[in-house]
C-alpha atoms as a PDB file:
ATOM      1  CA  MET A   1     105.468  89.114 103.498  1.00  0.00           C
ATOM      2  CA  ARG A   2     105.581  88.464 100.024  1.00  0.00           C
ATOM      3  CA  LEU A   3     108.590  86.421  97.986  1.00  0.00           C
ATOM      4  CA  TYR A   4     109.699  85.498  94.752  1.00  0.00           C
ATOM      5  CA  LEU A   5     111.431  82.342  94.286  1.00  0.00           C
ATOM      6  CA  SER A   6     113.122  81.341  90.775  1.00  0.00           C
ATOM      7  CA  ALA A   7     114.173  77.522  90.236  1.00  0.00           C
ATOM      8  CA  ASP A   8     116.526  75.616  88.083  1.00  0.00           C
ATOM      9  CA  ILE A   9     117.595  72.092  87.824  1.00  0.00           C
ATOM     10  CA  GLU A  10     120.963  71.919  86.759  1.00  0.00           C
ATOM     11  CA  GLY A  11     122.567  73.058  90.353  1.00  0.00           C
ATOM     12  CA  THR A  12     120.039  70.438  91.919  1.00  0.00           C
ATOM     13  CA  CYS A  13     121.503  68.287  94.579  1.00  0.00           C
ATOM     14  CA  GLY A  14     123.611  65.096  93.006  1.00  0.00           C
ATOM     15  CA  ILE A  15     122.883  66.072  89.497  1.00  0.00           C
ATOM     16  CA  ALA A  16     125.580  65.508  86.931  1.00  0.00           C
ATOM     17  CA  ASP A  17     124.156  65.021  83.186  1.00  0.00           C
ATOM     18  CA  TRP A  18     122.393  66.152  80.727  1.00  0.00           C
ATOM     19  CA  ALA A  19     120.008  63.399  80.375  1.00  0.00           C
ATOM     20  CA  GLU A  20     118.979  64.251  84.125  1.00  0.00           C
ATOM     21  CA  THR A  21     117.321  67.659  82.952  1.00  0.00           C
ATOM     22  CA  GLU A  22     115.056  66.434  79.992  1.00  0.00           C
ATOM     23  CA  ARG A  23     111.620  65.275  79.409  1.00  0.00           C
ATOM     24  CA  ALA A  24     112.828  63.696  76.338  1.00  0.00           C
ATOM     25  CA  THR A  25     114.679  61.275  78.766  1.00  0.00           C
ATOM     26  CA  MET A  26     112.412  60.361  81.256  1.00  0.00           C
ATOM     27  CA  ASP A  27     113.808  57.847  83.622  1.00  0.00           C
ATOM     28  CA  ASP A  28     116.727  60.185  84.110  1.00  0.00           C
ATOM     29  CA  TYR A  29     115.072  63.053  84.244  1.00  0.00           C
ATOM     30  CA  ARG A  30     111.951  62.056  86.848  1.00  0.00           C
ATOM     31  CA  PRO A  31     113.982  61.698  89.865  1.00  0.00           C
ATOM     32  CA  PHE A  32     115.906  64.826  89.542  1.00  0.00           C
ATOM     33  CA  ALA A  33     112.483  66.837  88.954  1.00  0.00           C
ATOM     34  CA  ALA A  34     111.468  65.339  92.102  1.00  0.00           C
ATOM     35  CA  GLN A  35     114.298  66.476  94.018  1.00  0.00           C
ATOM     36  CA  MET A  36     114.042  69.960  92.161  1.00  0.00           C
ATOM     37  CA  THR A  37     110.664  69.953  93.218  1.00  0.00           C
ATOM     38  CA  ALA A  38     111.757  69.148  97.059  1.00  0.00           C
ATOM     39  CA  GLU A  39     114.510  71.637  96.917  1.00  0.00           C
ATOM     40  CA  VAL A  40     111.744  74.229  96.116  1.00  0.00           C
ATOM     41  CA  ALA A  41     109.027  72.784  98.684  1.00  0.00           C
ATOM     42  CA  ALA A  42     111.958  72.752 101.024  1.00  0.00           C
ATOM     43  CA  ALA A  43     112.905  76.626 100.349  1.00  0.00           C
ATOM     44  CA  CYS A  44     109.231  77.610 100.409  1.00  0.00           C
ATOM     45  CA  GLU A  45     108.814  75.666 103.929  1.00  0.00           C
ATOM     46  CA  GLY A  46     111.611  77.703 105.155  1.00  0.00           C
ATOM     47  CA  ALA A  47     110.311  80.994 104.185  1.00  0.00           C
ATOM     48  CA  VAL A  48     107.130  80.388 105.251  1.00  0.00           C
ATOM     49  CA  ALA A  49     108.682  79.624 109.098  1.00  0.00           C
ATOM     50  CA  ALA A  50     110.132  83.182 108.555  1.00  0.00           C
ATOM     51  CA  GLY A  51     106.848  84.669 107.979  1.00  0.00           C
ATOM     52  CA  ALA A  52     106.091  84.273 104.370  1.00  0.00           C
ATOM     53  CA  GLU A  53     102.604  84.219 103.436  1.00  0.00           C
ATOM     54  CA  ASP A  54     103.002  84.559  99.716  1.00  0.00           C
ATOM     55  CA  ILE A  55     105.450  82.832  97.289  1.00  0.00           C
ATOM     56  CA  LEU A  56     105.290  83.231  93.562  1.00  0.00           C
ATOM     57  CA  VAL A  57     107.511  80.543  92.432  1.00  0.00           C
ATOM     58  CA  LYS A  58     108.579  80.380  88.688  1.00  0.00           C
ATOM     59  CA  ASP A  59     109.755  77.082  87.390  1.00  0.00           C
ATOM     60  CA  ALA A  60     112.355  78.683  85.236  1.00  0.00           C
ATOM     61  CA  HIS A  61     114.035  75.383  83.437  1.00  0.00           C
ATOM     62  CA  ASP A  62     113.553  74.045  80.189  1.00  0.00           C
ATOM     63  CA  SER A  63     109.724  73.447  79.044  1.00  0.00           C
ATOM     64  CA  ALA A  64     108.991  75.841  82.522  1.00  0.00           C
ATOM     65  CA  ARG A  65     106.839  72.382  83.654  1.00  0.00           C
ATOM     66  CA  ASN A  66     108.981  70.826  85.868  1.00  0.00           C
ATOM     67  CA  LEU A  67     107.667  71.408  89.326  1.00  0.00           C
ATOM     68  CA  ASP A  68     104.778  69.037  91.174  1.00  0.00           C
ATOM     69  CA  ALA A  69     102.929  71.995  92.539  1.00  0.00           C
ATOM     70  CA  ALA A  70     100.715  69.487  94.894  1.00  0.00           C
ATOM     71  CA  ARG A  71     103.841  69.011  97.140  1.00  0.00           C
ATOM     72  CA  LEU A  72     104.513  72.877  97.657  1.00  0.00           C
ATOM     73  CA  PRO A  73     102.955  74.695 100.833  1.00  0.00           C
ATOM     74  CA  ARG A  74      99.798  76.173 100.247  1.00  0.00           C
ATOM     75  CA  GLN A  75     101.472  79.470 100.366  1.00  0.00           C
ATOM     76  CA  ALA A  76     103.104  78.619  97.132  1.00  0.00           C
ATOM     77  CA  ARG A  77     102.155  79.739  93.802  1.00  0.00           C
ATOM     78  CA  VAL A  78     103.592  78.315  90.691  1.00  0.00           C
ATOM     79  CA  LEU A  79     104.120  80.317  87.335  1.00  0.00           C
ATOM     80  CA  ARG A  80     104.686  77.531  84.872  1.00  0.00           C
ATOM     81  CA  GLY A  81     105.550  77.640  80.973  1.00  0.00           C
ATOM     82  CA  TRP A  82     107.205  80.808  79.438  1.00  0.00           C
ATOM     83  CA  THR A  83     105.775  84.123  79.199  1.00  0.00           C
ATOM     84  CA  GLY A  84     107.227  85.648  76.607  1.00  0.00           C
ATOM     85  CA  ASP A  85     108.451  88.837  77.970  1.00  0.00           C
ATOM     86  CA  PRO A  86     112.172  89.542  78.629  1.00  0.00           C
ATOM     87  CA  LEU A  87     112.344  88.936  82.464  1.00  0.00           C
ATOM     88  CA  CYS A  88     112.412  85.300  81.141  1.00  0.00           C
ATOM     89  CA  MET A  89     113.226  83.021  84.650  1.00  0.00           C
ATOM     90  CA  MET A  90     112.296  86.129  86.556  1.00  0.00           C
ATOM     91  CA  ALA A  91     108.936  86.429  84.984  1.00  0.00           C
ATOM     92  CA  GLY A  92     106.205  87.926  87.227  1.00  0.00           C
ATOM     93  CA  LEU A  93     108.718  89.786  89.197  1.00  0.00           C
ATOM     94  CA  GLU A  94     107.341  93.268  90.017  1.00  0.00           C
ATOM     95  CA  ARG A  95     108.663  96.419  91.837  1.00  0.00           C
ATOM     96  CA  GLY A  96     107.296  97.128  95.273  1.00  0.00           C
ATOM     97  CA  ALA A  97     105.304  93.708  95.109  1.00  0.00           C
ATOM     98  CA  PHE A  98     107.680  91.198  96.731  1.00  0.00           C
ATOM     99  CA  GLY A  99     110.424  91.604 100.110  1.00  0.00           C
ATOM    100  CA  GLY A 100     112.506  89.638  98.704  1.00  0.00           C
ATOM    101  CA  VAL A 101     113.860  86.386  95.948  1.00  0.00           C
ATOM    102  CA  LEU A 102     115.017  83.264  96.311  1.00  0.00           C
ATOM    103  CA  PHE A 103     116.856  81.097  93.936  1.00  0.00           C
ATOM    104  CA  THR A 104     117.265  77.080  93.907  1.00  0.00           C
ATOM    105  CA  GLY A 105     118.897  74.885  91.893  1.00  0.00           C
ATOM    106  CA  TYR A 106     121.029  77.203  89.993  1.00  0.00           C
ATOM    107  CA  HIS A 107     124.475  76.690  88.711  1.00  0.00           C
ATOM    108  CA  ALA A 108     127.910  77.886  87.630  1.00  0.00           C
ATOM    109  CA  TRP A 109     128.450  80.045  84.440  1.00  0.00           C
ATOM    110  CA  GLY A 110     129.282  78.697  81.128  1.00  0.00           C
ATOM    111  CA  CYS A 111     132.731  76.750  80.925  1.00  0.00           C
ATOM    112  CA  CYS A 112     133.376  76.960  84.714  1.00  0.00           C
ATOM    113  CA  GLY A 113     134.797  73.524  85.881  1.00  0.00           C
ATOM    114  CA  GLY A 114     132.527  73.992  89.383  1.00  0.00           C
ATOM    115  CA  ASN A 115     129.308  71.920  87.206  1.00  0.00           C
ATOM    116  CA  PRO A 116     129.735  69.381  84.837  1.00  0.00           C
ATOM    117  CA  LEU A 117     126.204  71.244  83.336  1.00  0.00           C
ATOM    118  CA  SER A 118     127.650  74.822  83.323  1.00  0.00           C
ATOM    119  CA  HIS A 119     125.938  76.845  80.831  1.00  0.00           C
ATOM    120  CA  THR A 120     124.678  80.895  80.821  1.00  0.00           C
ATOM    121  CA  MET A 121     121.042  80.680  79.410  1.00  0.00           C
ATOM    122  CA  THR A 122     121.966  78.745  76.096  1.00  0.00           C
ATOM    123  CA  THR A 123     124.288  75.953  75.492  1.00  0.00           C
ATOM    124  CA  ALA A 124     124.707  77.489  71.903  1.00  0.00           C
ATOM    125  CA  CYS A 125     127.844  79.496  73.033  1.00  0.00           C
ATOM    126  CA  ASP A 126     130.778  78.925  75.193  1.00  0.00           C
ATOM    127  CA  GLN A 127     130.566  81.788  77.585  1.00  0.00           C
ATOM    128  CA  VAL A 128     128.417  85.206  78.490  1.00  0.00           C
ATOM    129  CA  THR A 129     129.713  88.422  79.911  1.00  0.00           C
ATOM    130  CA  LEU A 130     128.547  91.271  81.557  1.00  0.00           C
ATOM    131  CA  ASN A 131     131.130  94.295  82.224  1.00  0.00           C
ATOM    132  CA  GLY A 132     133.821  91.831  81.381  1.00  0.00           C
ATOM    133  CA  VAL A 133     132.642  89.350  83.985  1.00  0.00           C
ATOM    134  CA  PRO A 134     131.501  85.615  82.997  1.00  0.00           C
ATOM    135  CA  ALA A 135     127.936  85.609  83.952  1.00  0.00           C
ATOM    136  CA  SER A 136     125.997  83.077  85.531  1.00  0.00           C
ATOM    137  CA  GLU A 137     122.420  83.154  85.175  1.00  0.00           C
ATOM    138  CA  PHE A 138     122.348  83.911  88.848  1.00  0.00           C
ATOM    139  CA  LEU A 139     124.376  86.821  88.494  1.00  0.00           C
ATOM    140  CA  ILE A 140     121.724  88.112  85.527  1.00  0.00           C
ATOM    141  CA  ASN A 141     118.934  87.234  87.257  1.00  0.00           C
ATOM    142  CA  ALA A 142     120.175  88.622  90.647  1.00  0.00           C
ATOM    143  CA  TYR A 143     120.895  92.003  88.752  1.00  0.00           C
ATOM    144  CA  THR A 144     117.194  92.108  87.119  1.00  0.00           C
ATOM    145  CA  ALA A 145     116.076  91.578  91.003  1.00  0.00           C
ATOM    146  CA  LEU A 146     117.990  94.141  92.164  1.00  0.00           C
ATOM    147  CA  TYR A 147     116.827  96.481  89.027  1.00  0.00           C
ATOM    148  CA  PHE A 148     113.449  95.936  90.534  1.00  0.00           C
ATOM    149  CA  GLY A 149     114.387  96.862  94.201  1.00  0.00           C
ATOM    150  CA  VAL A 150     113.764  93.509  95.335  1.00  0.00           C
ATOM    151  CA  PRO A 151     116.894  92.028  97.701  1.00  0.00           C
ATOM    152  CA  VAL A 152     118.313  88.813  97.198  1.00  0.00           C
ATOM    153  CA  ALA A 153     117.878  86.615 100.269  1.00  0.00           C
ATOM    154  CA  PHE A 154     118.587  83.202  99.510  1.00  0.00           C
ATOM    155  CA  LEU A 155     120.242  81.007  96.851  1.00  0.00           C
ATOM    156  CA  SER A 156     121.167  77.046  96.939  1.00  0.00           C
ATOM    157  CA  GLY A 157     122.903  75.508  93.792  1.00  0.00           C
ATOM    158  CA  ASP A 158     126.149  74.258  93.475  1.00  0.00           C
ATOM    159  CA  ARG A 159     129.781  74.601  95.262  1.00  0.00           C
ATOM    160  CA  GLU A 160     131.041  77.141  92.597  1.00  0.00           C
ATOM    161  CA  LEU A 161     128.470  79.390  91.965  1.00  0.00           C
ATOM    162  CA  CYS A 162     127.613  79.469  95.904  1.00  0.00           C
ATOM    163  CA  ALA A 163     131.231  80.758  96.556  1.00  0.00           C
ATOM    164  CA  PHE A 164     131.023  83.606  93.855  1.00  0.00           C
ATOM    165  CA  ALA A 165     127.136  84.824  95.214  1.00  0.00           C
ATOM    166  CA  GLN A 166     129.315  85.018  98.864  1.00  0.00           C
ATOM    167  CA  ASP A 167     131.943  87.120  97.900  1.00  0.00           C
ATOM    168  CA  TRP A 168     129.574  89.021  95.448  1.00  0.00           C
ATOM    169  CA  LEU A 169     126.890  89.845  98.150  1.00  0.00           C
ATOM    170  CA  PRO A 170     128.426  89.892 101.323  1.00  0.00           C
ATOM    171  CA  GLY A 171     125.364  88.772 103.841  1.00  0.00           C
ATOM    172  CA  LEU A 172     123.818  86.522 101.120  1.00  0.00           C
ATOM    173  CA  VAL A 173     122.875  83.142 102.528  1.00  0.00           C
ATOM    174  CA  ALA A 174     124.124  80.637  99.843  1.00  0.00           C
ATOM    175  CA  VAL A 175     123.715  76.728 100.588  1.00  0.00           C
ATOM    176  CA  PRO A 176     125.816  74.218  98.018  1.00  0.00           C
ATOM    177  CA  VAL A 177     124.013  71.121  97.328  1.00  0.00           C
ATOM    178  CA  ASN A 178     125.902  69.539  94.434  1.00  0.00           C
ATOM    179  CA  GLU A 179     129.795  70.186  93.761  1.00  0.00           C
ATOM    180  CA  GLY A 180     131.418  69.294  89.923  1.00  0.00           C
ATOM    181  CA  ARG A 181     134.901  67.465  89.226  1.00  0.00           C
ATOM    182  CA  GLY A 182     135.412  67.287  85.493  1.00  0.00           C
ATOM    183  CA  GLY A 183     132.627  66.065  83.606  1.00  0.00           C
ATOM    184  CA  GLY A 184     130.944  64.113  86.868  1.00  0.00           C
ATOM    185  CA  GLY A 185     128.859  65.756  90.190  1.00  0.00           C
ATOM    186  CA  GLY A 186     127.927  65.028  93.264  1.00  0.00           C
ATOM    187  CA  ALA A 187     125.884  66.079  96.602  1.00  0.00           C
ATOM    188  CA  PRO A 188     128.027  66.702 100.036  1.00  0.00           C
ATOM    189  CA  PRO A 189     126.436  63.585 102.295  1.00  0.00           C
ATOM    190  CA  ALA A 190     124.343  66.354 104.703  1.00  0.00           C
ATOM    191  CA  ARG A 191     122.434  67.397 101.343  1.00  0.00           C
ATOM    192  CA  ARG A 192     121.562  64.414  99.896  1.00  0.00           C
ATOM    193  CA  ARG A 193     117.968  64.654 101.783  1.00  0.00           C
ATOM    194  CA  GLY A 194     117.031  68.178 101.702  1.00  0.00           C
ATOM    195  CA  GLY A 195     119.431  69.271 104.440  1.00  0.00           C
ATOM    196  CA  HIS A 196     118.882  72.810 103.725  1.00  0.00           C
ATOM    197  CA  VAL A 197     115.352  72.536 104.163  1.00  0.00           C
ATOM    198  CA  ARG A 198     115.199  75.436 106.881  1.00  0.00           C
ATOM    199  CA  THR A 199     118.094  77.457 105.675  1.00  0.00           C
ATOM    200  CA  PRO A 200     115.629  80.377 103.835  1.00  0.00           C
ATOM    201  CA  ALA A 201     114.101  81.129 107.414  1.00  0.00           C
ATOM    202  CA  PRO A 202     117.095  83.622 108.934  1.00  0.00           C
ATOM    203  CA  ALA A 203     118.045  84.550 105.321  1.00  0.00           C
ATOM    204  CA  VAL A 204     113.918  85.906 105.091  1.00  0.00           C
ATOM    205  CA  ARG A 205     114.293  87.431 108.483  1.00  0.00           C
ATOM    206  CA  ARG A 206     116.977  89.848 107.690  1.00  0.00           C
ATOM    207  CA  HIS A 207     115.815  90.665 104.146  1.00  0.00           C
ATOM    208  CA  ARG A 208     115.418  94.492 104.632  1.00  0.00           C
ATOM    209  CA  ALA A 209     118.821  94.988 105.951  1.00  0.00           C
ATOM    210  CA  LEU A 210     120.022  93.255 102.705  1.00  0.00           C
ATOM    211  CA  GLN A 211     117.753  95.593 100.621  1.00  0.00           C
ATOM    212  CA  GLY A 212     119.761  98.273 101.850  1.00  0.00           C
ATOM    213  CA  ALA A 213     123.027  96.805 101.741  1.00  0.00           C
ATOM    214  CA  GLN A 214     122.526  95.663  97.903  1.00  0.00           C
ATOM    215  CA  GLY A 215     121.173  98.996  96.843  1.00  0.00           C
ATOM    216  CA  ARG A 216     124.757 100.012  96.822  1.00  0.00           C
ATOM    217  CA  LEU A 217     126.235  97.521  94.669  1.00  0.00           C
ATOM    218  CA  PRO A 218     129.226  98.855  92.474  1.00  0.00           C
ATOM    219  CA  PRO A 219     128.782  98.506  88.473  1.00  0.00           C
ATOM    220  CA  GLN A 220     131.924  96.153  88.375  1.00  0.00           C
ATOM    221  CA  LEU A 221     132.113  92.693  89.310  1.00  0.00           C
ATOM    222  CA  LEU A 222     135.450  90.873  90.232  1.00  0.00           C
ATOM    223  CA  PRO A 223     134.310  87.395  89.542  1.00  0.00           C
ATOM    224  CA  ARG A 224     135.842  84.468  91.622  1.00  0.00           C
ATOM    225  CA  ARG A 225     137.378  81.727  89.476  1.00  0.00           C
ATOM    226  CA  PRO A 226     137.642  78.005  89.795  1.00  0.00           C
ATOM    227  CA  ALA A 227     140.712  77.137  91.593  1.00  0.00           C
ATOM    228  CA  GLY A 228     141.440  74.634  88.642  1.00  0.00           C
ATOM    229  CA  GLY A 229     140.778  76.910  85.750  1.00  0.00           C
ATOM    230  CA  GLN A 230     138.195  76.867  83.516  1.00  0.00           C
ATOM    231  CA  GLN A 231     137.090  73.452  82.076  1.00  0.00           C
ATOM    232  CA  ASP A 232     137.561  72.800  78.253  1.00  0.00           C
ATOM    233  CA  HIS A 233     134.317  70.655  77.246  1.00  0.00           C
ATOM    234  CA  LEU A 234     131.280  70.394  74.811  1.00  0.00           C
ATOM    235  CA  LEU A 235     127.836  71.882  75.993  1.00  0.00           C
END
């Protein structure tokens, strides 16, 4: 079984500030790059336990040079840097080549109060919409996967995004590892040491059933809004 994994950082466990996402502020960034790698490794280990033989991992944050490939299972191959093609965070995905897609470190859509680092693709605009729905990078990239006929099997990220994703894709395994409150964020205690390490295994085992269900997605979506409304802040 061959799988695809797209990894971001702003939904990583415990992250709360832009300085923790940028190589320019290395003291803040280094521990969260390590945490991003740990979460990708955990997802890959769970996938391998479920039978995955090959996993293409797209480093999909900022420079796309964040992951320490030496800490990943031997079945994982990392696509670093930006290819320059329209697939962007999903570069390398091909029709008929993968049995499922996993997402780690993903975050809520722009202007959402569920993550202090909420944005969609860029901080240069407040919000992106798709069919009138506030769109997250997960939503855009999940649609990309489905366009290529590849089912979405697993997501880890902030609690708000995970709640939306499970409403949108029934049967999706989504594990919240971070939770925003205003300009701050934190992690549920059970997630601080990679508590989602084996969760991808059941998700991967039922990827064929997910493929059939996800092939019937409606074109219009009704998003789950944050209970406290949208957050007003400068990105």
